[in-house]
Amino acid sequence: MAPSPPSPSNGMASLTVMLQDSPFSDAKALLVTFSEVNIHASGGDWITVPFAAGAGSRTCDLKKLQTAQDILGVGQLPAGHYTQLRLVVSSAAIYLQNASSGPACAPTIAAPAGTSASVDIPSGELKLNREFDLASSGGTMILLDFDGDQSLKLTGSGNGNGHGNDGGKYLMTPVIGIVSVH
């Protein structure tokens, strides 16, 4: 049995979740794959925000989102009051020599050539506590900022010279803030 829509309305509302970045300064590309975007209904359940074109995940090159924004999730969801937004980051990779080609966000993005670095993500789930309402008329847009410099820490270089020019190893603890809800 499907869960009932959150109160007070049982109409549908449009929600768009946008992403921008202040990216990791050492990288030419930072590909981050999101596997889920969810919102929590007040007194209810988590509701999945669909990825564009019905994809199962969405990869964004955060380096391309310094001066632009792109859609992370978009869909028609039950109107009502919501208390949290949850993002799940499933993977990330840093590319130190070449930028990626193509769009800033897509279901998949081809890895650029050249030196890359592995990224460990101990906990890819991030809950943002921000209450908002989805009205059955009009649409709501939430703008998120992924802070690449705060999210990534170099934990060791691969060749032992301390420069990390062969990629090294990074640890990602996603730092994402809500810029606006309107």
N, C-alpha and C. Protein backbone atom coordinates (compact mmCIF):
# COMPACT_ATOMS: atom_id res chain seq x y z
N MET A 1 0.85 -1.18 0.00
CA MET A 1 0.00 0.00 0.00
C MET A 1 0.89 1.24 0.00
N ALA A 2 0.60 2.17 -0.88
CA ALA A 2 1.40 3.39 -0.99
C ALA A 2 1.14 4.30 0.20
N PRO A 3 2.18 4.98 0.70
CA PRO A 3 1.97 5.91 1.82
C PRO A 3 1.12 7.09 1.37
N SER A 4 0.32 7.61 2.29
CA SER A 4 -0.51 8.76 1.95
C SER A 4 0.35 10.01 1.88
N PRO A 5 -0.03 10.95 1.03
CA PRO A 5 0.75 12.19 0.90
C PRO A 5 0.76 12.96 2.21
N PRO A 6 1.77 13.77 2.43
CA PRO A 6 1.82 14.55 3.67
C PRO A 6 0.70 15.57 3.73
N SER A 7 0.30 15.92 4.94
CA SER A 7 -0.73 16.94 5.11
C SER A 7 -0.10 18.31 4.92
N PRO A 8 -0.80 19.41 4.68
CA PRO A 8 -2.25 19.50 4.72
C PRO A 8 -2.92 19.22 3.38
N SER A 9 -2.18 19.17 2.31
CA SER A 9 -2.79 19.05 0.99
C SER A 9 -2.48 17.69 0.41
N ASN A 10 -3.37 17.19 -0.44
CA ASN A 10 -3.04 15.94 -1.11
C ASN A 10 -2.86 16.16 -2.60
N GLY A 11 -2.54 17.42 -2.99
CA GLY A 11 -2.21 17.71 -4.37
C GLY A 11 -0.75 17.42 -4.64
N MET A 12 -0.33 17.63 -5.88
CA MET A 12 1.07 17.41 -6.24
C MET A 12 1.76 18.76 -6.40
N ALA A 13 3.07 18.75 -6.16
CA ALA A 13 3.87 19.97 -6.25
C ALA A 13 5.15 19.67 -7.02
N SER A 14 5.67 20.70 -7.65
CA SER A 14 6.91 20.56 -8.41
C SER A 14 8.09 20.96 -7.53
N LEU A 15 9.12 20.09 -7.48
CA LEU A 15 10.33 20.38 -6.73
C LEU A 15 11.53 20.20 -7.65
N THR A 16 12.43 21.19 -7.64
CA THR A 16 13.69 21.10 -8.37
C THR A 16 14.82 21.30 -7.37
N VAL A 17 15.77 20.37 -7.32
CA VAL A 17 16.94 20.49 -6.45
C VAL A 17 18.13 20.80 -7.35
N MET A 18 18.71 22.01 -7.18
CA MET A 18 19.82 22.48 -7.99
C MET A 18 21.12 22.37 -7.19
N LEU A 19 22.24 22.24 -7.90
CA LEU A 19 23.54 22.11 -7.24
C LEU A 19 24.52 23.10 -7.84
N GLN A 20 25.29 23.76 -6.96
CA GLN A 20 26.42 24.60 -7.38
C GLN A 20 27.60 24.22 -6.50
N ASP A 21 28.79 24.75 -6.80
CA ASP A 21 29.96 24.33 -6.06
C ASP A 21 30.98 25.45 -5.92
N SER A 22 31.71 25.35 -4.80
CA SER A 22 32.96 26.10 -4.63
C SER A 22 34.00 25.00 -4.55
N PRO A 23 34.52 24.52 -5.70
CA PRO A 23 35.18 23.22 -5.77
C PRO A 23 36.59 23.15 -5.21
N PHE A 24 37.05 21.93 -5.12
CA PHE A 24 38.39 21.61 -4.66
C PHE A 24 39.39 22.25 -5.61
N SER A 25 40.19 23.16 -5.10
CA SER A 25 41.00 24.03 -5.95
C SER A 25 42.13 23.31 -6.69
N ASP A 26 42.62 22.17 -6.19
CA ASP A 26 43.74 21.49 -6.85
C ASP A 26 43.31 20.66 -8.06
N ALA A 27 42.05 20.41 -8.21
CA ALA A 27 41.57 19.50 -9.24
C ALA A 27 41.19 20.22 -10.53
N LYS A 28 41.31 19.49 -11.65
CA LYS A 28 40.78 19.97 -12.94
C LYS A 28 39.34 19.47 -13.11
N ALA A 29 39.04 18.32 -12.48
CA ALA A 29 37.69 17.76 -12.49
C ALA A 29 37.47 17.03 -11.18
N LEU A 30 36.26 17.11 -10.66
CA LEU A 30 35.87 16.37 -9.45
C LEU A 30 34.51 15.77 -9.74
N LEU A 31 34.51 14.48 -10.10
CA LEU A 31 33.26 13.80 -10.45
C LEU A 31 32.67 13.16 -9.20
N VAL A 32 31.45 13.57 -8.86
CA VAL A 32 30.75 13.05 -7.69
C VAL A 32 29.44 12.44 -8.17
N THR A 33 29.20 11.18 -7.77
CA THR A 33 27.97 10.48 -8.16
C THR A 33 27.02 10.42 -6.98
N PHE A 34 25.82 10.92 -7.20
CA PHE A 34 24.75 10.89 -6.20
C PHE A 34 23.83 9.71 -6.54
N SER A 35 23.54 8.86 -5.56
CA SER A 35 22.66 7.72 -5.82
C SER A 35 21.23 7.96 -5.33
N GLU A 36 21.04 8.94 -4.44
CA GLU A 36 19.69 9.24 -3.94
C GLU A 36 19.58 10.70 -3.52
N VAL A 37 18.40 11.26 -3.77
CA VAL A 37 17.99 12.54 -3.20
C VAL A 37 16.60 12.29 -2.62
N ASN A 38 16.43 12.54 -1.33
CA ASN A 38 15.15 12.30 -0.66
C ASN A 38 14.75 13.52 0.16
N ILE A 39 13.45 13.67 0.35
CA ILE A 39 12.94 14.68 1.28
C ILE A 39 12.05 13.98 2.30
N HIS A 40 12.02 14.52 3.52
CA HIS A 40 11.27 13.90 4.61
C HIS A 40 10.01 14.70 4.89
N ALA A 41 8.88 14.03 4.75
CA ALA A 41 7.58 14.66 5.02
C ALA A 41 7.39 14.80 6.53
N SER A 42 6.89 15.95 6.93
CA SER A 42 6.62 16.19 8.35
C SER A 42 5.65 15.13 8.86
N GLY A 43 6.09 14.37 9.87
CA GLY A 43 5.26 13.31 10.43
C GLY A 43 5.05 12.13 9.50
N GLY A 44 5.87 12.03 8.45
CA GLY A 44 5.67 10.96 7.48
C GLY A 44 6.96 10.24 7.12
N ASP A 45 7.04 9.86 5.86
CA ASP A 45 8.14 9.05 5.36
C ASP A 45 9.10 9.86 4.50
N TRP A 46 10.22 9.22 4.16
CA TRP A 46 11.15 9.77 3.18
C TRP A 46 10.55 9.55 1.80
N ILE A 47 10.63 10.57 0.95
CA ILE A 47 10.11 10.50 -0.42
C ILE A 47 11.28 10.78 -1.36
N THR A 48 11.44 9.92 -2.36
CA THR A 48 12.55 10.06 -3.30
C THR A 48 12.24 11.14 -4.33
N VAL A 49 13.22 12.02 -4.52
CA VAL A 49 13.16 13.03 -5.58
C VAL A 49 13.80 12.38 -6.82
N PRO A 50 13.06 12.24 -7.92
CA PRO A 50 13.62 11.56 -9.10
C PRO A 50 14.79 12.33 -9.71
N PHE A 51 15.75 11.58 -10.26
CA PHE A 51 16.80 12.20 -11.05
C PHE A 51 16.24 12.54 -12.42
N ALA A 52 16.86 13.50 -13.10
CA ALA A 52 16.42 13.90 -14.44
C ALA A 52 16.42 12.70 -15.37
N ALA A 53 15.45 12.64 -16.24
CA ALA A 53 15.30 11.60 -17.27
C ALA A 53 15.17 10.20 -16.67
N GLY A 54 14.74 10.11 -15.40
CA GLY A 54 14.50 8.81 -14.78
C GLY A 54 15.75 7.99 -14.53
N ALA A 55 16.93 8.62 -14.52
CA ALA A 55 18.18 7.89 -14.30
C ALA A 55 18.25 7.36 -12.87
N GLY A 56 19.05 6.31 -12.68
CA GLY A 56 19.21 5.70 -11.35
C GLY A 56 20.20 6.44 -10.47
N SER A 57 21.04 7.29 -11.07
CA SER A 57 21.99 8.10 -10.32
C SER A 57 22.32 9.33 -11.17
N ARG A 58 23.05 10.26 -10.57
CA ARG A 58 23.43 11.47 -11.31
C ARG A 58 24.85 11.84 -10.91
N THR A 59 25.71 11.99 -11.91
CA THR A 59 27.10 12.37 -11.69
C THR A 59 27.28 13.82 -12.09
N CYS A 60 27.97 14.58 -11.24
CA CYS A 60 28.25 15.98 -11.52
C CYS A 60 29.75 16.23 -11.43
N ASP A 61 30.26 17.01 -12.38
CA ASP A 61 31.63 17.50 -12.30
C ASP A 61 31.55 18.82 -11.55
N LEU A 62 31.88 18.77 -10.27
CA LEU A 62 31.71 19.95 -9.42
C LEU A 62 32.57 21.12 -9.88
N LYS A 63 33.65 20.83 -10.56
CA LYS A 63 34.51 21.91 -11.05
C LYS A 63 33.76 22.80 -12.04
N LYS A 64 32.82 22.21 -12.79
CA LYS A 64 32.04 22.97 -13.76
C LYS A 64 30.90 23.76 -13.12
N LEU A 65 30.68 23.54 -11.83
CA LEU A 65 29.57 24.21 -11.15
C LEU A 65 30.02 25.40 -10.32
N GLN A 66 31.27 25.87 -10.55
CA GLN A 66 31.74 27.07 -9.87
C GLN A 66 30.96 28.29 -10.34
N THR A 67 30.72 28.37 -11.63
CA THR A 67 30.06 29.54 -12.21
C THR A 67 28.70 29.19 -12.79
N ALA A 68 28.22 28.00 -12.53
CA ALA A 68 26.93 27.56 -13.07
C ALA A 68 26.19 26.73 -12.03
N GLN A 69 24.95 26.42 -12.35
CA GLN A 69 24.15 25.52 -11.52
C GLN A 69 23.61 24.45 -12.45
N ASP A 70 23.32 23.28 -11.89
CA ASP A 70 22.71 22.23 -12.69
C ASP A 70 21.69 21.50 -11.83
N ILE A 71 20.80 20.79 -12.50
CA ILE A 71 19.73 20.08 -11.80
C ILE A 71 20.25 18.77 -11.25
N LEU A 72 20.01 18.55 -9.97
CA LEU A 72 20.35 17.28 -9.34
C LEU A 72 19.13 16.36 -9.37
N GLY A 73 17.98 16.85 -8.96
CA GLY A 73 16.75 16.07 -8.98
C GLY A 73 15.58 16.98 -9.30
N VAL A 74 14.55 16.41 -9.93
CA VAL A 74 13.37 17.20 -10.28
C VAL A 74 12.18 16.26 -10.40
N GLY A 75 11.03 16.70 -9.91
CA GLY A 75 9.87 15.84 -10.05
C GLY A 75 8.63 16.41 -9.39
N GLN A 76 7.53 15.73 -9.64
CA GLN A 76 6.25 16.04 -9.02
C GLN A 76 6.13 15.21 -7.75
N LEU A 77 5.99 15.89 -6.62
CA LEU A 77 5.93 15.22 -5.32
C LEU A 77 4.70 15.71 -4.57
N PRO A 78 4.27 14.96 -3.55
CA PRO A 78 3.09 15.39 -2.79
C PRO A 78 3.31 16.75 -2.13
N ALA A 79 2.33 17.64 -2.28
CA ALA A 79 2.40 18.94 -1.63
C ALA A 79 2.33 18.74 -0.11
N GLY A 80 2.94 19.65 0.62
CA GLY A 80 2.90 19.56 2.07
C GLY A 80 4.14 20.14 2.71
N HIS A 81 4.32 19.87 4.01
CA HIS A 81 5.42 20.40 4.78
C HIS A 81 6.51 19.34 4.92
N TYR A 82 7.76 19.74 4.68
CA TYR A 82 8.89 18.83 4.74
C TYR A 82 9.92 19.36 5.72
N THR A 83 10.67 18.44 6.35
CA THR A 83 11.58 18.83 7.42
C THR A 83 13.06 18.63 7.10
N GLN A 84 13.39 17.77 6.13
CA GLN A 84 14.79 17.47 5.83
C GLN A 84 14.97 17.13 4.36
N LEU A 85 16.20 17.29 3.93
CA LEU A 85 16.64 16.85 2.61
C LEU A 85 17.81 15.91 2.84
N ARG A 86 17.82 14.76 2.16
CA ARG A 86 18.91 13.79 2.34
C ARG A 86 19.54 13.50 0.98
N LEU A 87 20.88 13.57 0.95
CA LEU A 87 21.65 13.25 -0.25
C LEU A 87 22.52 12.05 0.05
N VAL A 88 22.65 11.14 -0.92
CA VAL A 88 23.55 10.01 -0.77
C VAL A 88 24.58 10.10 -1.89
N VAL A 89 25.86 10.24 -1.49
CA VAL A 89 26.98 10.28 -2.43
C VAL A 89 27.55 8.87 -2.49
N SER A 90 27.51 8.25 -3.68
CA SER A 90 27.95 6.86 -3.80
C SER A 90 29.42 6.75 -4.21
N SER A 91 29.94 7.72 -4.96
CA SER A 91 31.34 7.65 -5.36
C SER A 91 31.84 9.03 -5.76
N ALA A 92 33.17 9.16 -5.77
CA ALA A 92 33.80 10.40 -6.19
C ALA A 92 35.20 10.09 -6.70
N ALA A 93 35.67 10.90 -7.64
CA ALA A 93 37.03 10.76 -8.16
C ALA A 93 37.56 12.13 -8.53
N ILE A 94 38.85 12.33 -8.29
CA ILE A 94 39.51 13.60 -8.59
C ILE A 94 40.43 13.38 -9.79
N TYR A 95 40.41 14.33 -10.72
CA TYR A 95 41.28 14.29 -11.90
C TYR A 95 42.13 15.55 -11.87
N LEU A 96 43.45 15.37 -11.89
CA LEU A 96 44.37 16.47 -11.62
C LEU A 96 44.96 17.12 -12.87
N GLN A 97 44.80 16.48 -14.05
CA GLN A 97 45.43 17.03 -15.26
C GLN A 97 44.47 17.61 -16.27
N ASN A 98 43.33 16.95 -16.47
CA ASN A 98 42.42 17.35 -17.55
C ASN A 98 41.00 17.53 -17.03
N ALA A 99 40.31 18.47 -17.67
CA ALA A 99 38.89 18.69 -17.36
C ALA A 99 38.06 17.61 -18.04
N SER A 100 36.85 17.40 -17.54
CA SER A 100 35.95 16.45 -18.19
C SER A 100 35.29 17.13 -19.38
N SER A 101 34.81 16.31 -20.30
CA SER A 101 34.09 16.86 -21.45
C SER A 101 32.60 16.64 -21.22
N GLY A 102 31.79 17.43 -21.92
CA GLY A 102 30.35 17.25 -21.79
C GLY A 102 29.73 18.14 -20.74
N PRO A 103 28.52 17.79 -20.32
CA PRO A 103 27.76 18.64 -19.39
C PRO A 103 28.31 18.59 -17.97
N ALA A 104 27.85 19.53 -17.15
CA ALA A 104 28.26 19.55 -15.74
C ALA A 104 27.65 18.38 -14.98
N CYS A 105 26.40 18.04 -15.28
CA CYS A 105 25.72 16.91 -14.63
C CYS A 105 25.03 16.05 -15.68
N ALA A 106 25.10 14.74 -15.51
CA ALA A 106 24.50 13.79 -16.44
C ALA A 106 24.35 12.45 -15.73
N PRO A 107 23.60 11.50 -16.32
CA PRO A 107 23.52 10.18 -15.70
C PRO A 107 24.91 9.54 -15.53
N THR A 108 25.80 9.74 -16.51
CA THR A 108 27.19 9.31 -16.38
C THR A 108 28.07 10.33 -17.09
N ILE A 109 29.30 10.49 -16.62
CA ILE A 109 30.27 11.38 -17.25
C ILE A 109 31.56 10.58 -17.45
N ALA A 110 32.10 10.61 -18.66
CA ALA A 110 33.33 9.89 -18.94
C ALA A 110 34.49 10.49 -18.16
N ALA A 111 35.33 9.63 -17.63
CA ALA A 111 36.50 10.08 -16.86
C ALA A 111 37.50 10.73 -17.81
N PRO A 112 38.04 11.91 -17.44
CA PRO A 112 39.07 12.52 -18.27
C PRO A 112 40.38 11.74 -18.20
N ALA A 113 41.22 11.90 -19.22
CA ALA A 113 42.52 11.23 -19.24
C ALA A 113 43.47 11.88 -18.25
N GLY A 114 44.54 11.18 -17.92
CA GLY A 114 45.57 11.76 -17.06
C GLY A 114 45.49 11.28 -15.63
N THR A 115 46.25 11.95 -14.79
CA THR A 115 46.38 11.56 -13.39
C THR A 115 45.07 11.72 -12.65
N SER A 116 44.73 10.69 -11.89
CA SER A 116 43.53 10.75 -11.05
C SER A 116 43.91 10.31 -9.65
N ALA A 117 43.01 10.56 -8.72
CA ALA A 117 43.23 10.17 -7.33
C ALA A 117 41.99 9.48 -6.82
N SER A 118 42.20 8.49 -5.97
CA SER A 118 41.06 7.80 -5.39
C SER A 118 40.49 8.61 -4.24
N VAL A 119 39.20 8.44 -4.03
CA VAL A 119 38.51 9.16 -2.97
C VAL A 119 37.72 8.16 -2.13
N ASP A 120 38.00 8.11 -0.84
CA ASP A 120 37.23 7.28 0.09
C ASP A 120 36.11 8.14 0.68
N ILE A 121 34.92 7.55 0.77
CA ILE A 121 33.77 8.26 1.34
C ILE A 121 33.25 7.42 2.51
N PRO A 122 33.68 7.72 3.75
CA PRO A 122 33.26 6.91 4.90
C PRO A 122 31.75 6.90 5.11
N SER A 123 31.13 8.05 4.98
CA SER A 123 29.67 8.12 5.12
C SER A 123 29.17 9.07 4.06
N GLY A 124 28.55 8.50 3.05
CA GLY A 124 28.09 9.30 1.93
C GLY A 124 26.71 9.88 2.13
N GLU A 125 26.09 9.60 3.28
CA GLU A 125 24.73 10.10 3.51
C GLU A 125 24.80 11.41 4.27
N LEU A 126 24.10 12.40 3.76
CA LEU A 126 24.11 13.72 4.38
C LEU A 126 22.69 14.21 4.53
N LYS A 127 22.29 14.53 5.76
CA LYS A 127 20.95 15.06 6.02
C LYS A 127 21.06 16.56 6.28
N LEU A 128 20.24 17.32 5.58
CA LEU A 128 20.19 18.77 5.74
C LEU A 128 18.87 19.12 6.41
N ASN A 129 18.95 19.63 7.63
CA ASN A 129 17.75 19.98 8.39
C ASN A 129 17.30 21.38 7.99
N ARG A 130 16.32 21.44 7.13
CA ARG A 130 15.77 22.73 6.70
C ARG A 130 14.32 22.48 6.34
N GLU A 131 13.42 23.10 7.08
CA GLU A 131 12.00 22.92 6.80
C GLU A 131 11.59 23.77 5.60
N PHE A 132 10.69 23.21 4.79
CA PHE A 132 10.16 23.94 3.65
C PHE A 132 8.80 23.35 3.28
N ASP A 133 8.05 24.12 2.53
CA ASP A 133 6.73 23.70 2.08
C ASP A 133 6.72 23.55 0.57
N LEU A 134 6.04 22.53 0.11
CA LEU A 134 5.77 22.38 -1.32
C LEU A 134 4.30 22.71 -1.53
N ALA A 135 4.05 23.79 -2.26
CA ALA A 135 2.68 24.22 -2.52
C ALA A 135 2.20 23.56 -3.80
N SER A 136 0.89 23.27 -3.86
CA SER A 136 0.35 22.60 -5.03
C SER A 136 0.26 23.54 -6.23
N SER A 137 0.46 24.85 -6.00
CA SER A 137 0.51 25.78 -7.14
C SER A 137 1.94 26.32 -7.24
N GLY A 138 2.42 26.43 -8.46
CA GLY A 138 3.79 26.92 -8.64
C GLY A 138 4.80 25.83 -8.35
N GLY A 139 6.07 26.20 -8.35
CA GLY A 139 7.12 25.23 -8.11
C GLY A 139 8.07 25.72 -7.04
N THR A 140 8.80 24.81 -6.43
CA THR A 140 9.79 25.13 -5.41
C THR A 140 11.15 24.71 -5.92
N MET A 141 12.15 25.58 -5.73
CA MET A 141 13.51 25.25 -6.10
C MET A 141 14.39 25.36 -4.87
N ILE A 142 15.20 24.32 -4.63
CA ILE A 142 16.17 24.32 -3.54
C ILE A 142 17.56 24.36 -4.18
N LEU A 143 18.37 25.35 -3.80
CA LEU A 143 19.72 25.47 -4.33
C LEU A 143 20.71 25.01 -3.26
N LEU A 144 21.52 24.01 -3.60
CA LEU A 144 22.53 23.45 -2.70
C LEU A 144 23.91 23.88 -3.14
N ASP A 145 24.81 24.08 -2.17
CA ASP A 145 26.20 24.40 -2.47
C ASP A 145 27.08 23.30 -1.90
N PHE A 146 27.82 22.62 -2.78
CA PHE A 146 28.76 21.57 -2.39
C PHE A 146 30.12 22.24 -2.23
N ASP A 147 30.65 22.24 -1.03
CA ASP A 147 31.93 22.90 -0.77
C ASP A 147 33.07 21.90 -0.96
N GLY A 148 33.68 21.91 -2.16
CA GLY A 148 34.73 20.96 -2.48
C GLY A 148 35.94 21.08 -1.59
N ASP A 149 36.38 22.31 -1.30
CA ASP A 149 37.57 22.49 -0.45
C ASP A 149 37.34 21.96 0.96
N GLN A 150 36.16 22.16 1.51
CA GLN A 150 35.86 21.68 2.86
C GLN A 150 35.58 20.18 2.88
N SER A 151 35.11 19.62 1.75
CA SER A 151 34.69 18.22 1.70
C SER A 151 35.85 17.25 1.53
N LEU A 152 36.94 17.69 0.89
CA LEU A 152 38.04 16.79 0.54
C LEU A 152 39.30 17.10 1.34
N LYS A 153 39.94 16.03 1.80
CA LYS A 153 41.22 16.16 2.50
C LYS A 153 42.19 15.17 1.90
N LEU A 154 43.41 15.63 1.59
CA LEU A 154 44.46 14.75 1.10
C LEU A 154 44.99 13.95 2.28
N THR A 155 44.95 12.61 2.19
CA THR A 155 45.38 11.76 3.30
C THR A 155 46.71 11.09 3.03
N GLY A 156 47.23 11.21 1.81
CA GLY A 156 48.53 10.62 1.51
C GLY A 156 48.82 10.70 0.03
N SER A 157 50.09 10.82 -0.32
CA SER A 157 50.45 10.85 -1.73
C SER A 157 50.86 9.45 -2.16
N GLY A 158 50.65 9.17 -3.43
CA GLY A 158 50.89 7.82 -3.93
C GLY A 158 52.35 7.47 -4.12
N ASN A 159 53.22 8.44 -4.41
CA ASN A 159 54.60 8.09 -4.73
C ASN A 159 55.60 8.42 -3.62
N GLY A 160 55.10 8.93 -2.52
CA GLY A 160 55.97 9.18 -1.38
C GLY A 160 56.77 10.47 -1.45
N ASN A 161 56.60 11.27 -2.52
CA ASN A 161 57.39 12.51 -2.60
C ASN A 161 56.69 13.69 -1.94
N GLY A 162 55.47 13.46 -1.46
CA GLY A 162 54.77 14.52 -0.76
C GLY A 162 54.03 15.48 -1.67
N HIS A 163 54.23 15.37 -2.98
CA HIS A 163 53.56 16.29 -3.90
C HIS A 163 52.20 15.78 -4.36
N GLY A 164 51.97 14.50 -4.29
CA GLY A 164 50.69 13.95 -4.70
C GLY A 164 50.44 14.07 -6.19
N ASN A 165 51.50 14.23 -7.00
CA ASN A 165 51.28 14.44 -8.43
C ASN A 165 50.92 13.16 -9.17
N ASP A 166 50.96 12.04 -8.49
CA ASP A 166 50.46 10.82 -9.12
C ASP A 166 49.07 10.51 -8.59
N GLY A 167 48.45 11.48 -8.01
CA GLY A 167 47.08 11.32 -7.56
C GLY A 167 46.95 11.34 -6.06
N GLY A 168 47.61 10.41 -5.38
CA GLY A 168 47.46 10.36 -3.94
C GLY A 168 46.12 9.77 -3.54
N LYS A 169 45.77 9.96 -2.29
CA LYS A 169 44.53 9.42 -1.74
C LYS A 169 43.81 10.52 -0.98
N TYR A 170 42.53 10.61 -1.22
CA TYR A 170 41.71 11.65 -0.60
C TYR A 170 40.59 11.03 0.21
N LEU A 171 40.14 11.77 1.20
CA LEU A 171 39.01 11.40 2.03
C LEU A 171 37.92 12.44 1.81
N MET A 172 36.71 11.98 1.53
CA MET A 172 35.60 12.93 1.33
C MET A 172 34.58 12.80 2.44
N THR A 173 34.35 13.91 3.10
CA THR A 173 33.23 14.05 4.02
C THR A 173 32.39 15.18 3.43
N PRO A 174 31.30 14.84 2.75
CA PRO A 174 30.55 15.87 2.02
C PRO A 174 30.08 17.02 2.92
N VAL A 175 30.42 18.24 2.50
CA VAL A 175 29.94 19.45 3.16
C VAL A 175 29.05 20.17 2.15
N ILE A 176 27.76 20.11 2.41
CA ILE A 176 26.78 20.69 1.49
C ILE A 176 25.84 21.56 2.30
N GLY A 177 25.62 22.76 1.82
CA GLY A 177 24.71 23.67 2.50
C GLY A 177 23.53 24.05 1.61
N ILE A 178 22.46 24.45 2.23
CA ILE A 178 21.30 24.95 1.48
C ILE A 178 21.46 26.45 1.34
N VAL A 179 21.57 26.92 0.10
CA VAL A 179 21.73 28.34 -0.17
C VAL A 179 20.38 29.04 -0.11
N SER A 180 19.39 28.45 -0.77
CA SER A 180 18.06 29.09 -0.80
C SER A 180 16.97 28.07 -1.08
N VAL A 181 15.77 28.41 -0.66
CA VAL A 181 14.56 27.65 -0.96
C VAL A 181 13.54 28.68 -1.43
N HIS A 182 13.13 28.58 -2.68
CA HIS A 182 12.09 29.50 -3.16
C HIS A 182 11.31 28.89 -4.31
